[in-house]
Amino acid sequence: MAEERKYKGKVPLHDNYGPEAKYAVEAEALMPTTKWEEEVARGLELGLQGADSIKDRRIPTFSRGELPHFAGINTFVKAPYVEDVRKCGQYDVAILGAPFDGGTTYRSGTRFGPQGIRKISALYGSYSFELGVDLRESISMCDLGDVFTIPANIEKTFDQVSKGVSHVYASGAFPVVLGGDHSLGFPTVRGVAQNLLGGKKLGIIHFDRHVDTQETDLDERMHTTPWFHATNIPNVPAKNLVQIGIGGWQAPRPGVKSGRERQTTIMTITDCVEMGIETAAKRALEVAWDGVDAVWLSFDVDCLDAAFVPGTGWPEPGGFLPREVLKFLQIIADAKPLAGMEIVECSPPYDAAEITSLLATRVICDVLACQVRSGHLPNRKKKL
């Protein structure tokens, strides 16, 4: 687990701060600004020196970096767009979109999820006050654009997504997949699992309100079926699938039956709240990591209460509060190096003020920051 974060006395501060705030203020003072300075210099070189009337001579004529947040081309948190995907291994983290909603069984629109997440991600900088991390100064990130999905063919889309995720994982970069509906959980896991050779195994931590473990839905593999098929992969044991937040009125009984027979682990919202988020996270980690070599994080935005995520395909009241789920994720991401992550079921056509896409962005940034602050990223070693 991550070391305890407390004020260390390296920077003189008064005693009126809250404990977390005091740690955060000291941490910021000790952070480098090297990458920020490089970004400013690059902006001036490529975007021309600003007009003579501009007093701040760091501002170029053409925006070529983080600022202003409302300008620029939409990549995830304005990470550089890498058109040649063969170069993704030069980066610590690679973002890839999977714009597909052919697996939805109610509201579609998640094919626009990658666009929506990238657009609102421009609101964020690279620094988190509470987490004490500046991603720009800590890791290198790139955006590879989107996998070429096939709208009318879910199986061909699965093959495309598996190949894309496998390529990124094998390169040594940490894959972050922007979905898309949750049918993508199967091909993303398959893409990682096929790289785990020599008997190595993969566990799954899955945040959702729905079990997604039935074999078929409407006679096909859909967004309600990824974990049945993922845990059919020989090196992805069902006993290492932990499902967090399950509940409500759309947990099909065939999926519950399948999970019971395969001995997956389910934790409801009530379970997590009553045992406490820290205890629940510890249990999830113990189960997911038991006897495996890597763990994949799958986050469905509908695990949050419907009030916070209107832009999703199957909203369900009674889910997590944002601060609860963020705390849960921070504990998981601090604990051990993850194999990668996906965020799914963000449907911008149903969103309000982009809050669902913003929460998706926050989830990704918090997970990356905790992987950084606990020393799991950057990891320049080749994957297992």
Protein backbone atom coordinates (compact mmCIF):
# COMPACT_ATOMS: atom_id res chain seq x y z
CA MET A 1 0.00 0.00 0.00
CA ALA A 2 1.00 3.63 -0.42
CA GLU A 3 3.00 5.28 2.32
CA GLU A 4 1.06 7.41 4.77
CA ARG A 5 0.72 10.93 3.48
CA LYS A 6 1.47 13.45 6.19
CA TYR A 7 3.21 16.79 6.42
CA LYS A 8 6.96 16.09 6.63
CA GLY A 9 8.23 19.49 7.73
CA LYS A 10 10.38 20.09 4.65
CA VAL A 11 8.51 23.32 3.89
CA PRO A 12 7.68 25.72 6.77
CA LEU A 13 3.88 26.00 7.16
CA HIS A 14 1.56 27.31 9.87
CA ASP A 15 -0.59 24.95 11.93
CA ASN A 16 -4.03 26.11 10.84
CA TYR A 17 -4.20 23.88 7.76
CA GLY A 18 -6.26 20.70 7.83
CA PRO A 19 -4.02 17.58 7.85
CA GLU A 20 -4.66 16.67 4.20
CA ALA A 21 -4.34 20.27 3.08
CA LYS A 22 -1.05 20.71 4.92
CA TYR A 23 0.36 17.63 3.22
CA ALA A 24 -0.91 18.86 -0.17
CA VAL A 25 0.52 22.38 0.18
CA GLU A 26 3.93 20.99 1.12
CA ALA A 27 3.82 18.43 -1.70
CA GLU A 28 3.13 21.15 -4.27
CA ALA A 29 6.11 23.19 -3.08
CA LEU A 30 8.37 20.19 -3.65
CA MET A 31 7.12 19.36 -7.15
CA PRO A 32 9.23 20.20 -10.20
CA THR A 33 7.96 22.45 -13.00
CA THR A 34 10.28 21.13 -15.69
CA LYS A 35 7.63 19.69 -18.01
CA TRP A 36 5.46 22.80 -17.66
CA GLU A 37 8.40 24.96 -18.67
CA GLU A 38 9.05 22.68 -21.64
CA GLU A 39 5.41 23.00 -22.68
CA VAL A 40 5.59 26.79 -22.54
CA ALA A 41 8.79 26.80 -24.63
CA ARG A 42 7.23 24.42 -27.14
CA GLY A 43 4.15 26.62 -27.41
CA LEU A 44 6.26 29.68 -28.19
CA GLU A 45 8.33 27.76 -30.74
CA LEU A 46 5.42 26.19 -32.60
CA GLY A 47 2.68 28.74 -31.96
CA LEU A 48 4.61 32.01 -32.45
CA GLN A 49 5.35 34.61 -29.80
CA GLY A 50 2.20 36.40 -28.67
CA ALA A 51 1.18 39.83 -29.90
CA ASP A 52 3.12 42.83 -28.63
CA SER A 53 0.21 43.86 -26.42
CA ILE A 54 0.39 40.60 -24.45
CA LYS A 55 2.31 41.29 -21.23
CA ASP A 56 2.78 37.65 -20.26
CA ARG A 57 5.44 36.63 -22.77
CA ARG A 58 4.78 32.94 -22.12
CA ILE A 59 1.55 33.21 -24.14
CA PRO A 60 1.89 32.22 -27.82
CA THR A 61 -0.25 33.44 -30.70
CA PHE A 62 -1.69 29.95 -31.28
CA SER A 63 -2.65 27.74 -28.34
CA ARG A 64 -0.29 24.77 -28.18
CA GLY A 65 -0.75 23.39 -24.67
CA GLU A 66 -3.07 23.18 -21.68
CA LEU A 67 -4.22 26.81 -21.81
CA PRO A 68 -6.75 28.14 -22.42
CA HIS A 69 -8.88 25.18 -21.38
CA PHE A 70 -11.63 26.00 -23.89
CA ALA A 71 -9.26 25.97 -26.87
CA GLY A 72 -7.30 23.37 -28.79
CA ILE A 73 -7.90 19.98 -30.37
CA ASN A 74 -9.66 17.48 -28.13
CA THR A 75 -7.36 14.73 -26.91
CA PHE A 76 -7.62 13.32 -23.41
CA VAL A 77 -6.40 16.08 -21.04
CA LYS A 78 -4.65 17.54 -24.10
CA ALA A 79 -2.12 14.72 -24.22
CA PRO A 80 -0.21 14.62 -27.52
CA TYR A 81 -1.99 12.80 -30.33
CA VAL A 82 0.20 9.97 -31.61
CA GLU A 83 -0.91 9.01 -35.10
CA ASP A 84 1.71 6.26 -35.47
CA VAL A 85 0.45 3.72 -32.94
CA ARG A 86 3.72 1.80 -33.25
CA LYS A 87 5.25 4.54 -31.09
CA CYS A 88 2.89 4.14 -28.12
CA GLY A 89 5.56 2.24 -26.18
CA GLN A 90 7.54 5.46 -25.93
CA TYR A 91 4.93 6.69 -23.43
CA ASP A 92 4.00 5.57 -19.93
CA VAL A 93 0.24 5.80 -20.57
CA ALA A 94 -1.68 5.42 -23.82
CA ILE A 95 -5.31 6.49 -24.20
CA LEU A 96 -7.43 4.71 -26.81
CA GLY A 97 -11.10 5.15 -27.59
CA ALA A 98 -13.49 2.31 -28.38
CA PRO A 99 -16.55 4.11 -29.82
CA PHE A 100 -19.06 1.27 -29.90
CA ASP A 101 -22.61 0.88 -28.62
CA GLY A 102 -23.78 -2.12 -30.63
CA GLY A 103 -24.00 -4.10 -27.41
CA THR A 104 -26.54 -1.84 -25.71
CA THR A 105 -29.94 -3.29 -24.84
CA TYR A 106 -31.73 -0.05 -23.93
CA ARG A 107 -30.32 3.44 -24.54
CA SER A 108 -27.55 3.77 -27.11
CA GLY A 109 -25.17 6.71 -27.49
CA THR A 110 -22.05 5.36 -25.83
CA ARG A 111 -20.29 5.34 -29.20
CA PHE A 112 -19.91 9.06 -28.50
CA GLY A 113 -18.35 8.38 -25.08
CA PRO A 114 -14.71 8.83 -26.17
CA GLN A 115 -15.54 12.16 -27.80
CA GLY A 116 -17.46 13.37 -24.77
CA ILE A 117 -14.78 12.38 -22.29
CA ARG A 118 -12.02 13.97 -24.34
CA LYS A 119 -13.99 17.19 -24.76
CA ILE A 120 -14.66 17.84 -21.06
CA SER A 121 -11.22 16.56 -20.05
CA ALA A 122 -9.86 19.85 -21.40
CA LEU A 123 -11.31 21.39 -18.23
CA TYR A 124 -8.66 19.65 -16.15
CA GLY A 125 -5.06 20.54 -15.59
CA SER A 126 -2.43 17.94 -14.77
CA TYR A 127 -2.21 18.61 -11.01
CA SER A 128 -4.39 17.25 -8.21
CA PHE A 129 -4.21 19.22 -4.97
CA GLU A 130 -5.42 16.50 -2.58
CA LEU A 131 -3.56 13.64 -4.23
CA GLY A 132 -0.33 15.62 -4.38
CA VAL A 133 0.48 14.60 -7.96
CA ASP A 134 1.22 16.50 -11.15
CA LEU A 135 0.76 14.00 -13.99
CA ARG A 136 2.60 16.21 -16.47
CA GLU A 137 5.69 16.21 -14.26
CA SER A 138 5.45 12.51 -13.36
CA ILE A 139 4.56 10.49 -16.45
CA SER A 140 4.30 10.75 -20.22
CA MET A 141 0.87 10.29 -21.79
CA CYS A 142 -0.38 10.04 -25.35
CA ASP A 143 -3.74 9.73 -27.08
CA LEU A 144 -3.84 7.15 -29.88
CA GLY A 145 -7.29 8.13 -31.11
CA ASP A 146 -9.97 5.49 -31.58
CA VAL A 147 -10.10 1.85 -32.54
CA PHE A 148 -11.88 1.38 -35.88
CA THR A 149 -15.05 -0.33 -34.63
CA ILE A 150 -17.62 -2.00 -36.88
CA PRO A 151 -21.10 -0.73 -35.93
CA ALA A 152 -23.05 -3.64 -37.41
CA ASN A 153 -20.77 -6.44 -36.24
CA ILE A 154 -20.03 -6.92 -32.56
CA GLU A 155 -17.66 -9.86 -33.06
CA LYS A 156 -15.47 -8.01 -35.55
CA THR A 157 -15.45 -5.05 -33.18
CA PHE A 158 -14.34 -7.37 -30.39
CA ASP A 159 -11.45 -8.54 -32.57
CA GLN A 160 -10.45 -4.95 -33.34
CA VAL A 161 -10.54 -3.91 -29.69
CA SER A 162 -8.60 -6.96 -28.51
CA LYS A 163 -5.91 -6.32 -31.10
CA GLY A 164 -5.66 -2.65 -30.12
CA VAL A 165 -5.47 -3.30 -26.37
CA SER A 166 -3.01 -6.15 -26.88
CA HIS A 167 -0.76 -3.88 -28.94
CA VAL A 168 -0.71 -1.15 -26.29
CA TYR A 169 -0.21 -3.55 -23.39
CA ALA A 170 2.60 -5.41 -25.15
CA SER A 171 4.35 -2.09 -25.85
CA GLY A 172 4.82 -1.44 -22.15
CA ALA A 173 2.39 1.49 -22.03
CA PHE A 174 -0.48 1.50 -19.51
CA PRO A 175 -3.71 1.18 -21.55
CA VAL A 176 -6.68 3.42 -20.73
CA VAL A 177 -9.74 2.52 -22.81
CA LEU A 178 -12.53 5.06 -23.30
CA GLY A 179 -15.77 3.24 -24.10
CA GLY A 180 -18.21 2.50 -25.51
CA ASP A 181 -20.64 0.11 -23.92
CA HIS A 182 -19.68 -2.62 -21.47
CA SER A 183 -19.67 -5.41 -24.02
CA LEU A 184 -16.10 -4.14 -24.51
CA GLY A 185 -15.10 -5.68 -21.18
CA PHE A 186 -14.62 -9.02 -22.88
CA PRO A 187 -12.29 -7.94 -25.71
CA THR A 188 -10.25 -5.61 -23.51
CA VAL A 189 -9.57 -8.39 -21.00
CA ARG A 190 -8.83 -10.79 -23.85
CA GLY A 191 -6.31 -8.32 -25.26
CA VAL A 192 -4.39 -8.24 -21.97
CA ALA A 193 -4.77 -11.93 -21.09
CA GLN A 194 -3.20 -13.14 -24.32
CA ASN A 195 0.02 -11.36 -23.29
CA LEU A 196 0.22 -13.18 -19.96
CA LEU A 197 2.28 -16.19 -20.90
CA GLY A 198 3.75 -19.03 -18.90
CA GLY A 199 0.67 -19.67 -16.78
CA LYS A 200 0.26 -16.08 -15.62
CA LYS A 201 -3.29 -15.07 -14.69
CA LEU A 202 -5.46 -11.95 -14.73
CA GLY A 203 -7.99 -10.80 -12.15
CA ILE A 204 -10.75 -8.22 -12.68
CA ILE A 205 -12.09 -5.46 -10.41
CA HIS A 206 -15.45 -4.40 -11.83
CA PHE A 207 -17.48 -1.35 -10.68
CA ASP A 208 -21.11 -1.50 -11.85
CA ARG A 209 -24.75 -1.64 -10.80
CA HIS A 210 -25.28 -4.64 -13.08
CA VAL A 211 -23.70 -8.10 -12.92
CA ASP A 212 -23.02 -8.47 -16.68
CA THR A 213 -22.35 -12.20 -16.26
CA GLN A 214 -25.05 -13.89 -18.33
CA GLU A 215 -24.05 -15.88 -21.42
CA THR A 216 -26.25 -14.12 -23.97
CA ASP A 217 -28.86 -11.37 -24.06
CA LEU A 218 -31.33 -10.97 -26.92
CA ASP A 219 -29.62 -14.03 -28.42
CA GLU A 220 -26.20 -12.33 -28.70
CA ARG A 221 -23.15 -11.28 -26.67
CA MET A 222 -24.14 -7.83 -25.43
CA HIS A 223 -23.18 -5.31 -22.74
CA THR A 224 -24.83 -7.59 -20.18
CA THR A 225 -22.50 -10.52 -20.96
CA PRO A 226 -18.79 -9.51 -20.89
CA TRP A 227 -17.73 -11.32 -17.73
CA PHE A 228 -19.26 -14.68 -18.68
CA HIS A 229 -17.02 -14.72 -21.74
CA ALA A 230 -14.00 -13.06 -20.13
CA THR A 231 -13.92 -15.69 -17.39
CA ASN A 232 -14.08 -18.40 -20.06
CA ILE A 233 -10.55 -17.34 -21.02
CA PRO A 234 -8.29 -19.98 -19.45
CA ASN A 235 -6.05 -17.54 -17.57
CA VAL A 236 -8.86 -15.27 -16.29
CA PRO A 237 -10.30 -17.15 -13.28
CA ALA A 238 -13.88 -16.36 -12.32
CA LYS A 239 -12.92 -16.52 -8.64
CA ASN A 240 -10.80 -13.38 -9.20
CA LEU A 241 -13.70 -11.36 -10.60
CA VAL A 242 -14.86 -8.85 -7.96
CA GLN A 243 -18.04 -6.91 -8.75
CA ILE A 244 -18.59 -3.76 -6.72
CA GLY A 245 -21.84 -1.83 -6.41
CA ILE A 246 -24.23 -4.41 -7.85
CA GLY A 247 -27.93 -3.87 -7.14
CA GLY A 248 -31.20 -2.32 -8.20
CA TRP A 249 -33.85 -3.53 -10.60
CA GLN A 250 -31.73 -4.58 -13.58
CA ALA A 251 -29.59 -7.49 -12.44
CA PRO A 252 -30.90 -10.31 -14.66
CA ARG A 253 -31.30 -13.59 -12.81
CA PRO A 254 -29.37 -15.64 -15.42
CA GLY A 255 -26.37 -13.43 -14.69
CA VAL A 256 -26.74 -13.87 -10.94
CA LYS A 257 -27.02 -17.64 -11.43
CA SER A 258 -23.90 -17.70 -13.61
CA GLY A 259 -21.91 -15.73 -11.05
CA ARG A 260 -23.04 -18.02 -8.24
CA GLU A 261 -22.02 -21.12 -10.21
CA ARG A 262 -18.65 -19.65 -11.14
CA GLN A 263 -18.00 -18.34 -7.61
CA THR A 264 -17.47 -14.71 -8.51
CA THR A 265 -17.58 -12.15 -5.69
CA ILE A 266 -20.30 -9.48 -5.44
CA MET A 267 -20.36 -6.50 -3.09
CA THR A 268 -23.45 -4.31 -3.03
CA ILE A 269 -23.57 -0.59 -2.28
CA THR A 270 -24.94 -1.41 1.16
CA ASP A 271 -22.13 -3.90 1.77
CA CYS A 272 -19.53 -1.29 0.92
CA VAL A 273 -21.11 1.51 2.92
CA GLU A 274 -21.84 -0.55 6.02
CA MET A 275 -18.45 -2.27 6.21
CA GLY A 276 -16.74 1.00 5.25
CA ILE A 277 -15.07 1.91 1.99
CA GLU A 278 -11.57 1.09 3.25
CA THR A 279 -12.58 -2.38 4.46
CA ALA A 280 -14.52 -3.06 1.26
CA ALA A 281 -11.57 -2.01 -0.89
CA LYS A 282 -9.23 -4.24 1.11
CA ARG A 283 -11.53 -7.22 0.57
CA ALA A 284 -11.83 -6.49 -3.15
CA LEU A 285 -8.05 -6.36 -3.47
CA GLU A 286 -7.57 -9.62 -1.58
CA VAL A 287 -10.00 -11.48 -3.82
CA ALA A 288 -8.96 -9.96 -7.15
CA TRP A 289 -5.21 -10.46 -6.54
CA ASP A 290 -5.43 -13.93 -4.99
CA GLY A 291 -3.09 -16.11 -7.03
CA VAL A 292 -2.97 -13.88 -10.12
CA ASP A 293 -0.20 -11.85 -11.70
CA ALA A 294 -2.13 -8.78 -12.89
CA VAL A 295 -5.51 -7.09 -12.40
CA TRP A 296 -7.66 -5.19 -14.91
CA LEU A 297 -9.89 -2.34 -13.70
CA SER A 298 -13.27 -2.02 -15.38
CA PHE A 299 -15.36 1.00 -14.38
CA ASP A 300 -18.96 1.42 -15.50
CA VAL A 301 -20.15 4.96 -14.74
CA ASP A 302 -23.60 3.68 -13.79
CA CYS A 303 -22.19 2.37 -10.48
CA LEU A 304 -22.71 5.95 -9.34
CA ASP A 305 -26.15 7.11 -8.30
CA ALA A 306 -28.26 8.13 -11.29
CA ALA A 307 -28.36 11.72 -10.02
CA PHE A 308 -24.64 12.06 -10.80
CA VAL A 309 -24.53 10.17 -14.11
CA PRO A 310 -27.57 11.02 -16.26
CA GLY A 311 -25.51 10.36 -19.37
CA THR A 312 -25.49 6.59 -19.30
CA GLY A 313 -27.35 3.78 -21.00
CA TRP A 314 -28.99 2.24 -17.96
CA PRO A 315 -29.07 4.62 -14.97
CA GLU A 316 -29.94 3.12 -11.58
CA PRO A 317 -30.80 5.08 -8.40
CA GLY A 318 -29.11 4.13 -5.16
CA GLY A 319 -25.52 3.91 -6.40
CA PHE A 320 -22.31 5.31 -4.98
CA LEU A 321 -21.72 8.95 -4.18
CA PRO A 322 -18.77 10.34 -6.17
CA ARG A 323 -16.59 10.80 -3.08
CA GLU A 324 -17.24 7.19 -2.03
CA VAL A 325 -16.27 5.67 -5.34
CA LEU A 326 -13.25 7.96 -5.73
CA LYS A 327 -11.98 6.89 -2.29
CA PHE A 328 -12.52 3.24 -3.25
CA LEU A 329 -10.59 3.70 -6.50
CA GLN A 330 -7.75 5.55 -4.80
CA ILE A 331 -7.21 2.65 -2.39
CA ILE A 332 -7.22 0.13 -5.24
CA ALA A 333 -4.86 2.18 -7.40
CA ASP A 334 -2.48 2.83 -4.50
CA ALA A 335 -2.22 -0.87 -3.63
CA LYS A 336 -0.51 -2.50 -6.62
CA PRO A 337 0.34 -1.86 -10.28
CA LEU A 338 -2.76 -2.35 -12.43
CA ALA A 339 -2.61 -3.93 -15.89
CA GLY A 340 -4.74 -1.11 -17.27
CA MET A 341 -8.27 0.25 -17.09
CA GLU A 342 -11.42 0.95 -19.04
CA ILE A 343 -14.28 3.35 -18.44
CA VAL A 344 -17.56 2.48 -20.09
CA GLU A 345 -21.24 3.36 -20.57
CA CYS A 346 -20.75 7.11 -20.82
CA SER A 347 -23.47 8.33 -23.20
CA PRO A 348 -23.12 12.05 -24.00
CA PRO A 349 -26.50 12.34 -25.81
CA TYR A 350 -28.21 11.77 -22.46
CA ASP A 351 -25.78 13.80 -20.36
CA ALA A 352 -26.53 17.05 -18.53
CA ALA A 353 -23.85 19.75 -18.46
CA GLU A 354 -21.27 17.04 -19.29
CA ILE A 355 -21.23 15.84 -15.67
CA THR A 356 -21.08 12.14 -16.57
CA SER A 357 -18.13 12.68 -18.90
CA LEU A 358 -16.48 14.82 -16.22
CA LEU A 359 -16.83 12.05 -13.65
CA ALA A 360 -15.33 9.62 -16.15
CA THR A 361 -12.38 11.97 -16.58
CA ARG A 362 -11.96 12.30 -12.82
CA VAL A 363 -11.95 8.52 -12.36
CA ILE A 364 -9.17 8.09 -14.91
CA CYS A 365 -7.06 10.94 -13.54
CA ASP A 366 -7.39 9.78 -9.93
CA VAL A 367 -6.42 6.21 -10.81
CA LEU A 368 -3.37 7.39 -12.75
CA ALA A 369 -2.36 9.78 -9.97
CA CYS A 370 -2.53 7.06 -7.33
CA GLN A 371 -0.55 4.69 -9.52
CA VAL A 372 2.05 7.47 -9.74
CA ARG A 373 2.18 8.48 -6.07
CA SER A 374 2.58 4.85 -4.98
CA GLY A 375 5.41 4.22 -7.41
CA HIS A 376 3.52 1.95 -9.83
CA LEU A 377 3.86 4.42 -12.69
CA PRO A 378 5.98 5.13 -14.58
CA ASN A 379 6.84 1.49 -15.21
CA ARG A 380 9.25 1.15 -18.08
CA LYS A 381 9.53 -2.60 -17.71
CA LYS A 382 7.86 -4.78 -20.30
CA LYS A 383 4.54 -6.24 -19.23
CA LEU A 384 4.23 -9.71 -17.75
